[in-house]
PDB file of all heavy atoms in Angstrom:
ATOM      1  N   ASN A   1     -15.465   8.849   8.687  1.00  0.00           N
ATOM      2  CA  ASN A   1     -15.881   7.971   7.590  1.00  0.00           C
ATOM      3  C   ASN A   1     -16.781   6.861   8.108  1.00  0.00           C
ATOM      4  O   ASN A   1     -16.520   6.286   9.177  1.00  0.00           O
ATOM      5  CB  ASN A   1     -14.658   7.352   6.911  1.00  0.00           C
ATOM      6  CG  ASN A   1     -13.739   8.385   6.299  1.00  0.00           C
ATOM      7  OD1 ASN A   1     -13.981   8.891   5.213  1.00  0.00           O
ATOM      8  ND2 ASN A   1     -12.663   8.709   7.015  1.00  0.00           N
ATOM      9  N   GLN A   2     -17.803   6.539   7.362  1.00  0.00           N
ATOM     10  CA  GLN A   2     -18.669   5.432   7.742  1.00  0.00           C
ATOM     11  C   GLN A   2     -17.985   4.095   7.516  1.00  0.00           C
ATOM     12  O   GLN A   2     -18.242   3.127   8.233  1.00  0.00           O
ATOM     13  CB  GLN A   2     -19.971   5.482   6.942  1.00  0.00           C
ATOM     14  CG  GLN A   2     -20.897   6.623   7.344  1.00  0.00           C
ATOM     15  CD  GLN A   2     -22.252   6.529   6.669  1.00  0.00           C
ATOM     16  OE1 GLN A   2     -22.406   5.866   5.643  1.00  0.00           O
ATOM     17  NE2 GLN A   2     -23.254   7.173   7.256  1.00  0.00           N
ATOM     18  N   GLU A   3     -17.112   4.055   6.522  1.00  0.00           N
ATOM     19  CA  GLU A   3     -16.350   2.840   6.241  1.00  0.00           C
ATOM     20  C   GLU A   3     -14.867   3.155   6.257  1.00  0.00           C
ATOM     21  O   GLU A   3     -14.423   4.136   5.655  1.00  0.00           O
ATOM     22  CB  GLU A   3     -16.735   2.259   4.876  1.00  0.00           C
ATOM     23  CG  GLU A   3     -18.148   1.716   4.819  1.00  0.00           C
ATOM     24  CD  GLU A   3     -18.432   0.997   3.511  1.00  0.00           C
ATOM     25  OE1 GLU A   3     -17.474   0.743   2.755  1.00  0.00           O
ATOM     26  OE2 GLU A   3     -19.603   0.705   3.247  1.00  0.00           O
ATOM     27  N   VAL A   4     -14.103   2.321   6.938  1.00  0.00           N
ATOM     28  CA  VAL A   4     -12.651   2.506   6.970  1.00  0.00           C
ATOM     29  C   VAL A   4     -12.023   1.650   5.877  1.00  0.00           C
ATOM     30  O   VAL A   4     -12.595   0.629   5.465  1.00  0.00           O
ATOM     31  CB  VAL A   4     -12.066   2.125   8.345  1.00  0.00           C
ATOM     32  CG1 VAL A   4     -12.614   3.029   9.430  1.00  0.00           C
ATOM     33  CG2 VAL A   4     -12.323   0.652   8.666  1.00  0.00           C
ATOM     34  N   PRO A   5     -10.845   2.027   5.374  1.00  0.00           N
ATOM     35  CA  PRO A   5     -10.183   1.207   4.364  1.00  0.00           C
ATOM     36  C   PRO A   5      -9.637  -0.075   4.974  1.00  0.00           C
ATOM     37  O   PRO A   5      -9.371  -0.135   6.182  1.00  0.00           O
ATOM     38  CB  PRO A   5      -9.049   2.114   3.870  1.00  0.00           C
ATOM     39  CG  PRO A   5      -8.750   2.995   5.035  1.00  0.00           C
ATOM     40  CD  PRO A   5     -10.073   3.248   5.694  1.00  0.00           C
ATOM     41  N   ALA A   6      -9.472  -1.071   4.150  1.00  0.00           N
ATOM     42  CA  ALA A   6      -8.866  -2.317   4.623  1.00  0.00           C
ATOM     43  C   ALA A   6      -7.397  -2.101   4.966  1.00  0.00           C
ATOM     44  O   ALA A   6      -6.869  -2.696   5.909  1.00  0.00           O
ATOM     45  CB  ALA A   6      -9.003  -3.411   3.560  1.00  0.00           C
ATOM     46  N   HIS A   7      -6.737  -1.247   4.192  1.00  0.00           N
ATOM     47  CA  HIS A   7      -5.315  -0.968   4.397  1.00  0.00           C
ATOM     48  C   HIS A   7      -5.080   0.530   4.399  1.00  0.00           C
ATOM     49  O   HIS A   7      -5.624   1.262   3.572  1.00  0.00           O
ATOM     50  CB  HIS A   7      -4.474  -1.601   3.280  1.00  0.00           C
ATOM     51  CG  HIS A   7      -4.622  -3.093   3.204  1.00  0.00           C
ATOM     52  ND1 HIS A   7      -3.878  -3.951   3.982  1.00  0.00           N
ATOM     53  CD2 HIS A   7      -5.427  -3.874   2.444  1.00  0.00           C
ATOM     54  CE1 HIS A   7      -4.229  -5.199   3.708  1.00  0.00           C
ATOM     55  NE2 HIS A   7      -5.172  -5.177   2.775  1.00  0.00           N
ATOM     56  N   LEU A   8      -4.243   0.976   5.324  1.00  0.00           N
ATOM     57  CA  LEU A   8      -3.901   2.388   5.403  1.00  0.00           C
ATOM     58  C   LEU A   8      -2.384   2.534   5.557  1.00  0.00           C
ATOM     59  O   LEU A   8      -1.872   2.689   6.668  1.00  0.00           O
ATOM     60  CB  LEU A   8      -4.619   3.053   6.588  1.00  0.00           C
ATOM     61  CG  LEU A   8      -4.419   4.565   6.730  1.00  0.00           C
ATOM     62  CD1 LEU A   8      -4.999   5.306   5.527  1.00  0.00           C
ATOM     63  CD2 LEU A   8      -5.062   5.062   8.020  1.00  0.00           C
ATOM     64  N   PRO A   9      -1.637   2.462   4.442  1.00  0.00           N
ATOM     65  CA  PRO A   9      -0.194   2.710   4.520  1.00  0.00           C
ATOM     66  C   PRO A   9       0.052   4.186   4.773  1.00  0.00           C
ATOM     67  O   PRO A   9      -0.578   5.039   4.153  1.00  0.00           O
ATOM     68  CB  PRO A   9       0.311   2.274   3.144  1.00  0.00           C
ATOM     69  CG  PRO A   9      -0.868   2.364   2.240  1.00  0.00           C
ATOM     70  CD  PRO A   9      -2.076   2.120   3.082  1.00  0.00           C
ATOM     71  N   LEU A  10       0.957   4.502   5.697  1.00  0.00           N
ATOM     72  CA  LEU A  10       1.239   5.886   6.054  1.00  0.00           C
ATOM     73  C   LEU A  10       2.738   6.163   5.954  1.00  0.00           C
ATOM     74  O   LEU A  10       3.532   5.532   6.652  1.00  0.00           O
ATOM     75  CB  LEU A  10       0.745   6.181   7.483  1.00  0.00           C
ATOM     76  CG  LEU A  10      -0.764   6.083   7.707  1.00  0.00           C
ATOM     77  CD1 LEU A  10      -1.091   6.247   9.188  1.00  0.00           C
ATOM     78  CD2 LEU A  10      -1.507   7.125   6.878  1.00  0.00           C
ATOM     79  N   GLY A  11       3.097   7.096   5.093  1.00  0.00           N
ATOM     80  CA  GLY A  11       4.500   7.439   4.919  1.00  0.00           C
ATOM     81  C   GLY A  11       5.011   7.039   3.548  1.00  0.00           C
ATOM     82  O   GLY A  11       4.435   6.166   2.880  1.00  0.00           O
ATOM     83  N   THR A  12       6.082   7.665   3.143  1.00  0.00           N
ATOM     84  CA  THR A  12       6.647   7.421   1.803  1.00  0.00           C
ATOM     85  C   THR A  12       7.105   5.985   1.641  1.00  0.00           C
ATOM     86  O   THR A  12       6.813   5.332   0.634  1.00  0.00           O
ATOM     87  CB  THR A  12       7.827   8.383   1.544  1.00  0.00           C
ATOM     88  OG1 THR A  12       7.370   9.733   1.655  1.00  0.00           O
ATOM     89  CG2 THR A  12       8.392   8.158   0.150  1.00  0.00           C
ATOM     90  N   PHE A  13       7.839   5.474   2.616  1.00  0.00           N
ATOM     91  CA  PHE A  13       8.343   4.103   2.495  1.00  0.00           C
ATOM     92  C   PHE A  13       7.198   3.100   2.428  1.00  0.00           C
ATOM     93  O   PHE A  13       7.226   2.150   1.644  1.00  0.00           O
ATOM     94  CB  PHE A  13       9.268   3.757   3.658  1.00  0.00           C
ATOM     95  CG  PHE A  13       9.728   2.326   3.652  1.00  0.00           C
ATOM     96  CD1 PHE A  13      10.645   1.884   2.709  1.00  0.00           C
ATOM     97  CD2 PHE A  13       9.225   1.412   4.566  1.00  0.00           C
ATOM     98  CE1 PHE A  13      11.061   0.548   2.690  1.00  0.00           C
ATOM     99  CE2 PHE A  13       9.625   0.085   4.552  1.00  0.00           C
ATOM    100  CZ  PHE A  13      10.550  -0.343   3.603  1.00  0.00           C
ATOM    101  N   ALA A  14       6.172   3.311   3.261  1.00  0.00           N
ATOM    102  CA  ALA A  14       5.021   2.398   3.244  1.00  0.00           C
ATOM    103  C   ALA A  14       4.332   2.417   1.893  1.00  0.00           C
ATOM    104  O   ALA A  14       3.954   1.367   1.356  1.00  0.00           O
ATOM    105  CB  ALA A  14       4.037   2.781   4.349  1.00  0.00           C
ATOM    106  N   THR A  15       4.174   3.610   1.327  1.00  0.00           N
ATOM    107  CA  THR A  15       3.478   3.747   0.050  1.00  0.00           C
ATOM    108  C   THR A  15       4.301   3.192  -1.103  1.00  0.00           C
ATOM    109  O   THR A  15       3.835   2.343  -1.876  1.00  0.00           O
ATOM    110  CB  THR A  15       3.150   5.227  -0.224  1.00  0.00           C
ATOM    111  OG1 THR A  15       2.310   5.711   0.837  1.00  0.00           O
ATOM    112  CG2 THR A  15       2.426   5.391  -1.542  1.00  0.00           C
ATOM    113  N   GLU A  16       5.530   3.654  -1.216  1.00  0.00           N
ATOM    114  CA  GLU A  16       6.368   3.215  -2.336  1.00  0.00           C
ATOM    115  C   GLU A  16       6.821   1.769  -2.164  1.00  0.00           C
ATOM    116  O   GLU A  16       6.898   1.014  -3.136  1.00  0.00           O
ATOM    117  CB  GLU A  16       7.583   4.141  -2.480  1.00  0.00           C
ATOM    118  CG  GLU A  16       7.222   5.596  -2.791  1.00  0.00           C
ATOM    119  CD  GLU A  16       6.380   5.733  -4.041  1.00  0.00           C
ATOM    120  OE1 GLU A  16       6.613   4.976  -5.011  1.00  0.00           O
ATOM    121  OE2 GLU A  16       5.464   6.591  -4.062  1.00  0.00           O
ATOM    122  N   GLY A  17       7.121   1.382  -0.936  1.00  0.00           N
ATOM    123  CA  GLY A  17       7.555   0.003  -0.688  1.00  0.00           C
ATOM    124  C   GLY A  17       6.482  -1.008  -1.027  1.00  0.00           C
ATOM    125  O   GLY A  17       6.752  -2.045  -1.634  1.00  0.00           O
ATOM    126  N   SER A  18       5.236  -0.712  -0.646  1.00  0.00           N
ATOM    127  CA  SER A  18       4.147  -1.644  -0.945  1.00  0.00           C
ATOM    128  C   SER A  18       3.866  -1.694  -2.443  1.00  0.00           C
ATOM    129  O   SER A  18       3.590  -2.768  -2.997  1.00  0.00           O
ATOM    130  CB  SER A  18       2.880  -1.255  -0.179  1.00  0.00           C
ATOM    131  OG  SER A  18       2.453   0.052  -0.509  1.00  0.00           O
ATOM    132  N   LYS A  19       3.935  -0.551  -3.110  1.00  0.00           N
ATOM    133  CA  LYS A  19       3.710  -0.525  -4.560  1.00  0.00           C
ATOM    134  C   LYS A  19       4.781  -1.339  -5.279  1.00  0.00           C
ATOM    135  O   LYS A  19       4.475  -2.129  -6.198  1.00  0.00           O
ATOM    136  CB  LYS A  19       3.713   0.909  -5.070  1.00  0.00           C
ATOM    137  CG  LYS A  19       2.460   1.700  -4.685  1.00  0.00           C
ATOM    138  CD  LYS A  19       2.589   3.170  -5.017  1.00  0.00           C
ATOM    139  CE  LYS A  19       2.678   3.418  -6.504  1.00  0.00           C
ATOM    140  NZ  LYS A  19       2.719   4.870  -6.818  1.00  0.00           N
ATOM    141  N   ASN A  20       6.036  -1.189  -4.871  1.00  0.00           N
ATOM    142  CA  ASN A  20       7.123  -1.952  -5.493  1.00  0.00           C
ATOM    143  C   ASN A  20       6.968  -3.443  -5.249  1.00  0.00           C
ATOM    144  O   ASN A  20       7.195  -4.262  -6.138  1.00  0.00           O
ATOM    145  CB  ASN A  20       8.478  -1.470  -4.959  1.00  0.00           C
ATOM    146  CG  ASN A  20       8.835  -0.083  -5.437  1.00  0.00           C
ATOM    147  OD1 ASN A  20       8.331   0.387  -6.453  1.00  0.00           O
ATOM    148  ND2 ASN A  20       9.709   0.587  -4.711  1.00  0.00           N
ATOM    149  N   GLU A  21       6.584  -3.794  -4.017  1.00  0.00           N
ATOM    150  CA  GLU A  21       6.415  -5.206  -3.669  1.00  0.00           C
ATOM    151  C   GLU A  21       5.296  -5.833  -4.509  1.00  0.00           C
ATOM    152  O   GLU A  21       5.463  -6.921  -5.082  1.00  0.00           O
ATOM    153  CB  GLU A  21       6.080  -5.331  -2.188  1.00  0.00           C
ATOM    154  CG  GLU A  21       6.026  -6.754  -1.675  1.00  0.00           C
ATOM    155  CD  GLU A  21       7.399  -7.355  -1.427  1.00  0.00           C
ATOM    156  OE1 GLU A  21       8.384  -6.604  -1.317  1.00  0.00           O
ATOM    157  OE2 GLU A  21       7.472  -8.600  -1.346  1.00  0.00           O
ATOM    158  N   LEU A  22       4.175  -5.148  -4.588  1.00  0.00           N
ATOM    159  CA  LEU A  22       3.046  -5.675  -5.349  1.00  0.00           C
ATOM    160  C   LEU A  22       3.362  -5.745  -6.839  1.00  0.00           C
ATOM    161  O   LEU A  22       2.947  -6.686  -7.533  1.00  0.00           O
ATOM    162  CB  LEU A  22       1.812  -4.805  -5.111  1.00  0.00           C
ATOM    163  CG  LEU A  22       1.229  -4.869  -3.694  1.00  0.00           C
ATOM    164  CD1 LEU A  22       0.185  -3.782  -3.491  1.00  0.00           C
ATOM    165  CD2 LEU A  22       0.634  -6.248  -3.420  1.00  0.00           C
ATOM    166  N   THR A  23       4.090  -4.764  -7.342  1.00  0.00           N
ATOM    167  CA  THR A  23       4.482  -4.769  -8.756  1.00  0.00           C
ATOM    168  C   THR A  23       5.359  -5.958  -9.074  1.00  0.00           C
ATOM    169  O   THR A  23       5.176  -6.634 -10.105  1.00  0.00           O
ATOM    170  CB  THR A  23       5.222  -3.459  -9.110  1.00  0.00           C
ATOM    171  OG1 THR A  23       4.335  -2.354  -8.918  1.00  0.00           O
ATOM    172  CG2 THR A  23       5.683  -3.475 -10.565  1.00  0.00           C
ATOM    173  N   ASN A  24       6.320  -6.249  -8.189  1.00  0.00           N
ATOM    174  CA  ASN A  24       7.225  -7.381  -8.408  1.00  0.00           C
ATOM    175  C   ASN A  24       6.495  -8.714  -8.321  1.00  0.00           C
ATOM    176  O   ASN A  24       6.784  -9.652  -9.070  1.00  0.00           O
ATOM    177  CB  ASN A  24       8.374  -7.338  -7.404  1.00  0.00           C
ATOM    178  CG  ASN A  24       9.343  -6.201  -7.675  1.00  0.00           C
ATOM    179  OD1 ASN A  24       9.486  -5.755  -8.818  1.00  0.00           O
ATOM    180  ND2 ASN A  24      10.013  -5.725  -6.641  1.00  0.00           N
ATOM    181  N   ILE A  25       5.530  -8.801  -7.407  1.00  0.00           N
ATOM    182  CA  ILE A  25       4.728 -10.028  -7.307  1.00  0.00           C
ATOM    183  C   ILE A  25       3.920 -10.221  -8.586  1.00  0.00           C
ATOM    184  O   ILE A  25       3.854 -11.324  -9.140  1.00  0.00           O
ATOM    185  CB  ILE A  25       3.793  -9.962  -6.086  1.00  0.00           C
ATOM    186  CG1 ILE A  25       4.601 -10.036  -4.791  1.00  0.00           C
ATOM    187  CG2 ILE A  25       2.759 -11.094  -6.139  1.00  0.00           C
ATOM    188  CD1 ILE A  25       3.779  -9.839  -3.538  1.00  0.00           C
ATOM    189  N   LEU A  26       3.327  -9.141  -9.059  1.00  0.00           N
ATOM    190  CA  LEU A  26       2.503  -9.223 -10.270  1.00  0.00           C
ATOM    191  C   LEU A  26       3.344  -9.632 -11.482  1.00  0.00           C
ATOM    192  O   LEU A  26       2.857 -10.358 -12.365  1.00  0.00           O
ATOM    193  CB  LEU A  26       1.814  -7.885 -10.526  1.00  0.00           C
ATOM    194  CG  LEU A  26       0.790  -7.863 -11.662  1.00  0.00           C
ATOM    195  CD1 LEU A  26      -0.302  -8.896 -11.416  1.00  0.00           C
ATOM    196  CD2 LEU A  26       0.174  -6.459 -11.793  1.00  0.00           C
ATOM    197  N   LYS A  27       4.595  -9.194 -11.527  1.00  0.00           N
ATOM    198  CA  LYS A  27       5.480  -9.578 -12.637  1.00  0.00           C
ATOM    199  C   LYS A  27       5.636 -11.095 -12.685  1.00  0.00           C
ATOM    200  O   LYS A  27       5.560 -11.711 -13.756  1.00  0.00           O
ATOM    201  CB  LYS A  27       6.850  -8.913 -12.474  1.00  0.00           C
ATOM    202  CG  LYS A  27       6.891  -7.440 -12.819  1.00  0.00           C
ATOM    203  CD  LYS A  27       8.303  -6.897 -12.640  1.00  0.00           C
ATOM    204  CE  LYS A  27       8.365  -5.401 -12.962  1.00  0.00           C
ATOM    205  NZ  LYS A  27       9.735  -4.855 -12.735  1.00  0.00           N
TER     206      LYS A  27
END
C-alpha cells in the first residue's frame, strides 16, 4: 500500500473492544 492506515486493530478482541469503547464514549 502507498498509504498505511492510522490504526490497524488485529483480532476479534481488538476489533470488538475498540468498537464498544468508542460507542460508549459517543453515548
